[in-house]
Amino acid sequence: MNLVIETAAQRRYASAALVFGLVAYAGWSSWQGWIARVPLPARPIANAALREPAPIVSAAPLNMLFGLAPSMTPVTSTTPLVLHASIVGATGQSRALLASGAAQQFYREGASLPDGSVLRAIDADRVLLWRNGREESLMRERSTVRYFIPASRADMPSRSAAANTLIRPGPPIHPDSELAP
């Protein structure tokens, strides 16, 4: 489709139509931008006092439905498992090193253990197991080996001597190296 503009009047009308179209588009775009920036009216907030309080649900039927024991202190476990170490991290990142006989393995929360119990929670010094329909606590064994032995006062250097014991001579710096002052 070839549009041929033959007269000067037609050229003026085409130019005027083009300018009018551009001005109309700029005005419409500006109006749309202004509409987008106008804040929305605030939504009315329902008065909390007018609403009825939620009914209180007893936990006992839910515990019975899902086979959970009521919350109480867990009993000490009689499982043959031994807790050697625990690493407590963010949710789902905790691990416990449990030994069953001669085999040792790290387990996550929710893992099934060799004795048929389930690892429910991991703390720094104990783990909670779900075994035989109840929650049991397995404490970490305390080692008799002491890795850090406190020094006696006679073995400790004085305060001024302690500062000097931390200073050690370093390797000599060659005058042409980059580290030379």
Foldseek 3Di string as FASTA:
>chain_A
DDDDDDDPVSVVVVVVVVVVVVVVVVVVVVVVVVVVPDDDDDDDDDDPVPDDDDDDDDCVVVCVVVLADPDDDAAADPDQKAWAFKDDDPVFPIWTWIDRPPDIDIDTQQDQDPVGWGFHADDGFWTWICPPSGIHIHGHDDDPDDPDDDDDPVPDDDPVVVVVVVDDDDDDDDCPDPPHD
